[in-house]
Amino acid sequence: MSFGAKKIFPLDNRPGTAIGVSVPFNNDAVFFSTYTTQDAIRNNLINFFLIDQGELYLNPNFGANLRQYVFEQITTGEIDGIKEYIQSLINRYFINIKIDNIDIFESSDYNEIKIELKYSIINTGITDQVQISFT
């Protein structure tokens, strides 16, 4: 019996096989492909945070709805609430991700919210981070 075994996704072992699409869509062929699980999950998280609920017709509950906080006065207590909200969304939609740290920076002068999410992919030893700004 092995302890601490790392899970390697089978598609990561086939270098020519695309797993997902990269954000933003700006290539001549509409999008770039991602070839590793780490890149696919990072782009899926970015896409999730940029979508508001109701934007996807067949999945109206999908999305983070974070743009709603751009023009609001945010206090320390509200930042903690946003962190808990993000944690619950990640637990619901990304079950293979463990959040290590969430930092939220807001600038009311520029109507901007910056979210920095550090996470690890369960059973793989892969850690990564995503930074998203809403203005």
C-alpha atoms as a PDB file:
ATOM      1  CA  MET A   1       0.000   0.000   0.000  1.00  0.00           C
ATOM      2  CA  SER A   2       1.386   3.391  -0.959  1.00  0.00           C
ATOM      3  CA  PHE A   3       0.924   6.543   1.043  1.00  0.00           C
ATOM      4  CA  GLY A   4       0.881  10.015  -0.453  1.00  0.00           C
ATOM      5  CA  ALA A   5       0.520   8.752  -4.003  1.00  0.00           C
ATOM      6  CA  LYS A   6       0.053  11.540  -6.501  1.00  0.00           C
ATOM      7  CA  LYS A   7      -2.706  11.285  -9.050  1.00  0.00           C
ATOM      8  CA  ILE A   8      -1.625  12.018 -12.604  1.00  0.00           C
ATOM      9  CA  PHE A   9      -4.416  12.688 -15.031  1.00  0.00           C
ATOM     10  CA  PRO A  10      -4.124  10.376 -18.066  1.00  0.00           C
ATOM     11  CA  LEU A  11      -4.440  13.173 -20.600  1.00  0.00           C
ATOM     12  CA  ASP A  12      -1.390  14.932 -19.118  1.00  0.00           C
ATOM     13  CA  ASN A  13       0.730  12.011 -20.363  1.00  0.00           C
ATOM     14  CA  ARG A  14      -0.256  12.633 -24.004  1.00  0.00           C
ATOM     15  CA  PRO A  15       1.465  15.889 -24.996  1.00  0.00           C
ATOM     16  CA  GLY A  16      -0.437  16.398 -28.263  1.00  0.00           C
ATOM     17  CA  THR A  17      -3.892  16.015 -26.729  1.00  0.00           C
ATOM     18  CA  ALA A  18      -5.680  19.262 -25.843  1.00  0.00           C
ATOM     19  CA  ILE A  19      -7.685  19.210 -22.619  1.00  0.00           C
ATOM     20  CA  GLY A  20      -9.435  22.568 -22.661  1.00  0.00           C
ATOM     21  CA  VAL A  21      -9.408  26.107 -23.994  1.00  0.00           C
ATOM     22  CA  SER A  22      -7.477  29.110 -22.806  1.00  0.00           C
ATOM     23  CA  VAL A  23      -8.940  32.458 -21.789  1.00  0.00           C
ATOM     24  CA  PRO A  24      -9.047  35.051 -23.402  1.00  0.00           C
ATOM     25  CA  PHE A  25     -10.219  33.950 -26.833  1.00  0.00           C
ATOM     26  CA  ASN A  26      -7.847  35.896 -29.045  1.00  0.00           C
ATOM     27  CA  ASN A  27      -6.171  33.513 -31.474  1.00  0.00           C
ATOM     28  CA  ASP A  28      -6.783  33.419 -35.230  1.00  0.00           C
ATOM     29  CA  ALA A  29      -8.629  30.120 -34.743  1.00  0.00           C
ATOM     30  CA  VAL A  30     -10.782  31.706 -31.997  1.00  0.00           C
ATOM     31  CA  PHE A  31      -8.958  30.135 -29.017  1.00  0.00           C
ATOM     32  CA  PHE A  32      -5.749  28.562 -27.749  1.00  0.00           C
ATOM     33  CA  SER A  33      -5.846  25.022 -26.405  1.00  0.00           C
ATOM     34  CA  THR A  34      -4.555  23.925 -23.009  1.00  0.00           C
ATOM     35  CA  TYR A  35      -2.568  20.705 -22.756  1.00  0.00           C
ATOM     36  CA  THR A  36      -2.195  20.109 -19.014  1.00  0.00           C
ATOM     37  CA  THR A  37      -4.696  19.693 -16.210  1.00  0.00           C
ATOM     38  CA  GLN A  38      -3.100  22.573 -14.325  1.00  0.00           C
ATOM     39  CA  ASP A  39      -3.651  24.987 -17.227  1.00  0.00           C
ATOM     40  CA  ALA A  40      -7.176  23.702 -17.857  1.00  0.00           C
ATOM     41  CA  ILE A  41      -8.214  24.173 -14.220  1.00  0.00           C
ATOM     42  CA  ARG A  42      -6.658  27.659 -14.053  1.00  0.00           C
ATOM     43  CA  ASN A  43      -8.563  28.742 -17.171  1.00  0.00           C
ATOM     44  CA  ASN A  44     -11.776  27.154 -15.907  1.00  0.00           C
ATOM     45  CA  LEU A  45     -11.453  29.149 -12.669  1.00  0.00           C
ATOM     46  CA  ILE A  46     -10.845  32.395 -14.556  1.00  0.00           C
ATOM     47  CA  ASN A  47     -13.850  31.721 -16.770  1.00  0.00           C
ATOM     48  CA  PHE A  48     -15.992  30.905 -13.716  1.00  0.00           C
ATOM     49  CA  PHE A  49     -15.061  34.149 -11.955  1.00  0.00           C
ATOM     50  CA  LEU A  50     -15.718  36.264 -15.050  1.00  0.00           C
ATOM     51  CA  ILE A  51     -19.223  34.835 -15.613  1.00  0.00           C
ATOM     52  CA  ASP A  52     -22.221  36.210 -13.748  1.00  0.00           C
ATOM     53  CA  GLN A  53     -25.059  33.900 -12.814  1.00  0.00           C
ATOM     54  CA  GLY A  54     -27.711  33.879 -15.524  1.00  0.00           C
ATOM     55  CA  GLU A  55     -25.269  34.390 -18.411  1.00  0.00           C
ATOM     56  CA  LEU A  56     -25.203  30.713 -19.396  1.00  0.00           C
ATOM     57  CA  TYR A  57     -28.620  29.819 -20.736  1.00  0.00           C
ATOM     58  CA  LEU A  58     -28.460  26.083 -19.978  1.00  0.00           C
ATOM     59  CA  ASN A  59     -26.758  26.524 -16.597  1.00  0.00           C
ATOM     60  CA  PRO A  60     -28.191  29.728 -15.054  1.00  0.00           C
ATOM     61  CA  ASN A  61     -26.681  29.117 -11.575  1.00  0.00           C
ATOM     62  CA  PHE A  62     -23.102  28.839 -12.893  1.00  0.00           C
ATOM     63  CA  GLY A  63     -20.890  31.870 -12.298  1.00  0.00           C
ATOM     64  CA  ALA A  64     -19.450  33.843  -9.419  1.00  0.00           C
ATOM     65  CA  ASN A  65     -21.452  37.113  -9.632  1.00  0.00           C
ATOM     66  CA  LEU A  66     -18.449  39.101  -8.404  1.00  0.00           C
ATOM     67  CA  ARG A  67     -18.992  42.177 -10.594  1.00  0.00           C
ATOM     68  CA  GLN A  68     -21.808  43.220  -8.260  1.00  0.00           C
ATOM     69  CA  TYR A  69     -19.224  44.324  -5.671  1.00  0.00           C
ATOM     70  CA  VAL A  70     -17.384  46.785  -7.934  1.00  0.00           C
ATOM     71  CA  PHE A  71     -19.495  49.862  -7.101  1.00  0.00           C
ATOM     72  CA  GLU A  72     -20.208  49.039  -3.443  1.00  0.00           C
ATOM     73  CA  GLN A  73     -18.480  50.298  -0.324  1.00  0.00           C
ATOM     74  CA  ILE A  74     -16.701  47.230   1.005  1.00  0.00           C
ATOM     75  CA  THR A  75     -15.812  46.887   4.671  1.00  0.00           C
ATOM     76  CA  THR A  76     -13.579  44.309   6.351  1.00  0.00           C
ATOM     77  CA  GLY A  77     -16.614  42.251   7.347  1.00  0.00           C
ATOM     78  CA  GLU A  78     -17.872  42.214   3.770  1.00  0.00           C
ATOM     79  CA  ILE A  79     -14.468  41.034   2.526  1.00  0.00           C
ATOM     80  CA  ASP A  80     -14.713  38.066   4.903  1.00  0.00           C
ATOM     81  CA  GLY A  81     -18.206  37.373   3.563  1.00  0.00           C
ATOM     82  CA  ILE A  82     -16.942  37.473  -0.031  1.00  0.00           C
ATOM     83  CA  LYS A  83     -14.150  35.040   0.888  1.00  0.00           C
ATOM     84  CA  GLU A  84     -16.677  32.616   2.379  1.00  0.00           C
ATOM     85  CA  TYR A  85     -18.898  33.016  -0.692  1.00  0.00           C
ATOM     86  CA  ILE A  86     -15.977  32.206  -3.025  1.00  0.00           C
ATOM     87  CA  GLN A  87     -15.023  29.219  -0.850  1.00  0.00           C
ATOM     88  CA  SER A  88     -18.580  27.825  -1.046  1.00  0.00           C
ATOM     89  CA  LEU A  89     -18.680  28.258  -4.841  1.00  0.00           C
ATOM     90  CA  ILE A  90     -15.331  26.500  -5.278  1.00  0.00           C
ATOM     91  CA  ASN A  91     -16.497  23.650  -3.032  1.00  0.00           C
ATOM     92  CA  ARG A  92     -19.651  23.279  -5.143  1.00  0.00           C
ATOM     93  CA  TYR A  93     -18.246  23.567  -8.677  1.00  0.00           C
ATOM     94  CA  PHE A  94     -14.570  22.547  -8.345  1.00  0.00           C
ATOM     95  CA  ILE A  95     -14.461  19.542  -6.034  1.00  0.00           C
ATOM     96  CA  ASN A  96     -10.861  18.681  -6.959  1.00  0.00           C
ATOM     97  CA  ILE A  97      -9.522  22.035  -5.717  1.00  0.00           C
ATOM     98  CA  LYS A  98      -8.455  22.943  -2.179  1.00  0.00           C
ATOM     99  CA  ILE A  99      -8.177  26.666  -1.523  1.00  0.00           C
ATOM    100  CA  ASP A 100      -4.979  27.590   0.290  1.00  0.00           C
ATOM    101  CA  ASN A 101      -5.547  31.358   0.516  1.00  0.00           C
ATOM    102  CA  ILE A 102      -7.910  34.038  -0.758  1.00  0.00           C
ATOM    103  CA  ASP A 103      -6.866  37.689  -0.757  1.00  0.00           C
ATOM    104  CA  ILE A 104      -9.236  40.464  -1.785  1.00  0.00           C
ATOM    105  CA  PHE A 105      -8.047  44.003  -2.434  1.00  0.00           C
ATOM    106  CA  GLU A 106     -10.465  46.796  -3.172  1.00  0.00           C
ATOM    107  CA  SER A 107      -9.963  50.341  -4.322  1.00  0.00           C
ATOM    108  CA  SER A 108     -13.058  52.476  -3.980  1.00  0.00           C
ATOM    109  CA  ASP A 109     -11.232  55.367  -5.670  1.00  0.00           C
ATOM    110  CA  TYR A 110     -10.912  53.358  -8.887  1.00  0.00           C
ATOM    111  CA  ASN A 111     -13.991  51.108  -8.462  1.00  0.00           C
ATOM    112  CA  GLU A 112     -11.771  48.048  -8.614  1.00  0.00           C
ATOM    113  CA  ILE A 113     -11.702  44.705  -6.842  1.00  0.00           C
ATOM    114  CA  LYS A 114      -8.717  42.387  -7.168  1.00  0.00           C
ATOM    115  CA  ILE A 115      -9.028  38.762  -6.112  1.00  0.00           C
ATOM    116  CA  GLU A 116      -5.989  36.546  -5.633  1.00  0.00           C
ATOM    117  CA  LEU A 117      -6.757  32.870  -5.150  1.00  0.00           C
ATOM    118  CA  LYS A 118      -4.018  30.389  -4.218  1.00  0.00           C
ATOM    119  CA  TYR A 119      -5.087  26.772  -4.518  1.00  0.00           C
ATOM    120  CA  SER A 120      -3.860  23.213  -4.860  1.00  0.00           C
ATOM    121  CA  ILE A 121      -5.250  20.370  -6.925  1.00  0.00           C
ATOM    122  CA  ILE A 122      -6.109  17.499  -4.599  1.00  0.00           C
ATOM    123  CA  ASN A 123      -3.856  14.396  -4.719  1.00  0.00           C
ATOM    124  CA  THR A 124      -1.527  15.832  -7.359  1.00  0.00           C
ATOM    125  CA  GLY A 125       0.895  18.077  -5.495  1.00  0.00           C
ATOM    126  CA  ILE A 126       0.112  20.859  -8.002  1.00  0.00           C
ATOM    127  CA  THR A 127      -0.283  24.354  -6.571  1.00  0.00           C
ATOM    128  CA  ASP A 128      -1.213  27.431  -8.571  1.00  0.00           C
ATOM    129  CA  GLN A 129      -2.775  30.838  -8.254  1.00  0.00           C
ATOM    130  CA  VAL A 130      -5.240  33.022 -10.123  1.00  0.00           C
ATOM    131  CA  GLN A 131      -5.486  36.810 -10.048  1.00  0.00           C
ATOM    132  CA  ILE A 132      -8.569  38.561 -11.389  1.00  0.00           C
ATOM    133  CA  SER A 133      -9.431  42.256 -11.378  1.00  0.00           C
ATOM    134  CA  PHE A 134     -12.907  43.710 -11.789  1.00  0.00           C
ATOM    135  CA  THR A 135     -13.229  47.390 -12.700  1.00  0.00           C
END
